């Protein structure tokens, strides 16, 4: 969240000044720019659409356990 703030306001303020105020390392920010999404975040994004589709197909009434069962039936893990 902090890195996203710095990226959004780079045109207005210096990166070093924002990092100092937010108590983050500039090197961490630049590393985040190269790869902003972790493996876990990418996997979550990959599974979001099938979950949303299964939920909408159920009439928006399925809970998490039924959605999990549907994903298993589709071969998702």
Protein backbone atom coordinates (compact mmCIF):
# COMPACT_ATOMS: atom_id res chain seq x y z
CA UNK A 1 0.00 0.00 0.00
CA UNK A 2 2.80 2.42 0.84
CA UNK A 3 4.70 1.54 -2.30
CA UNK A 4 1.58 2.16 -4.39
CA UNK A 5 1.23 5.58 -2.77
CA UNK A 6 4.83 6.44 -3.62
CA UNK A 7 4.36 5.25 -7.20
CA UNK A 8 1.21 7.32 -7.58
CA UNK A 9 2.82 10.53 -6.29
CA UNK A 10 6.27 10.24 -7.89
CA UNK A 11 5.57 13.20 -10.17
CA UNK A 12 4.79 15.49 -7.25
CA UNK A 13 7.39 14.52 -4.64
CA UNK A 14 10.79 12.89 -4.59
CA UNK A 15 10.85 9.16 -3.97
CA UNK A 16 13.46 9.51 -1.23
CA UNK A 17 11.41 12.12 0.66
CA UNK A 18 8.25 10.03 0.52
CA UNK A 19 10.13 6.91 1.59
CA UNK A 20 11.62 8.79 4.52
CA UNK A 21 8.17 10.06 5.61
CA UNK A 22 6.57 6.63 5.18
CA UNK A 23 9.50 4.87 6.87
CA UNK A 24 10.22 2.55 3.97
CA UNK A 25 13.44 1.91 2.07
CA UNK A 26 13.81 3.36 -1.43
CA UNK A 27 15.45 0.11 -2.51
CA UNK A 28 12.32 -1.77 -1.42
CA UNK A 29 10.20 0.58 -3.49
CA UNK A 30 12.32 0.08 -6.60
CA UNK A 31 12.27 -3.70 -6.09
CA UNK A 32 8.47 -3.52 -5.79
CA UNK A 33 8.31 -1.60 -9.09
CA UNK A 34 10.04 -4.48 -10.86
CA UNK A 35 7.67 -7.11 -9.46
CA UNK A 36 4.69 -5.56 -7.65
CA UNK A 37 2.71 -8.79 -7.23
CA UNK A 38 3.89 -11.66 -5.08
CA UNK A 39 3.38 -15.26 -6.16
CA UNK A 40 0.50 -15.49 -3.71
CA UNK A 41 -1.15 -12.34 -5.08
CA UNK A 42 -0.85 -13.69 -8.64
CA UNK A 43 -2.41 -16.99 -7.59
CA UNK A 44 -5.23 -15.16 -5.81
CA UNK A 45 -5.89 -13.09 -8.92
CA UNK A 46 -5.92 -16.25 -11.06
CA UNK A 47 -8.55 -17.87 -8.83
CA UNK A 48 -10.74 -14.81 -8.42
CA UNK A 49 -12.56 -15.04 -11.76
CA UNK A 50 -13.55 -18.74 -11.47
CA UNK A 51 -14.78 -18.08 -7.92
CA UNK A 52 -16.76 -15.04 -8.99
CA UNK A 53 -18.27 -16.97 -11.90
CA UNK A 54 -19.27 -19.92 -9.68
CA UNK A 55 -20.81 -17.54 -7.16
CA UNK A 56 -22.83 -15.72 -9.83
CA UNK A 57 -23.91 -19.03 -11.39
CA UNK A 58 -25.28 -20.07 -7.99
CA UNK A 59 -27.53 -17.02 -7.87
CA UNK A 60 -25.08 -15.38 -5.46
CA UNK A 61 -26.11 -17.70 -2.62
CA UNK A 62 -23.21 -20.18 -2.36
CA UNK A 63 -20.94 -19.96 0.65
CA UNK A 64 -17.23 -20.57 0.73
CA UNK A 65 -17.43 -24.33 1.27
CA UNK A 66 -19.74 -24.88 -1.73
CA UNK A 67 -17.58 -22.60 -3.90
CA UNK A 68 -14.51 -24.58 -2.84
CA UNK A 69 -16.26 -27.82 -3.82
CA UNK A 70 -17.16 -26.33 -7.23
CA UNK A 71 -13.54 -25.32 -7.84
CA UNK A 72 -12.37 -28.82 -6.94
CA UNK A 73 -14.90 -30.25 -9.41
CA UNK A 74 -13.45 -27.98 -12.11
CA UNK A 75 -9.94 -29.22 -11.36
CA UNK A 76 -8.76 -26.07 -9.59
CA UNK A 77 -6.63 -26.47 -6.49
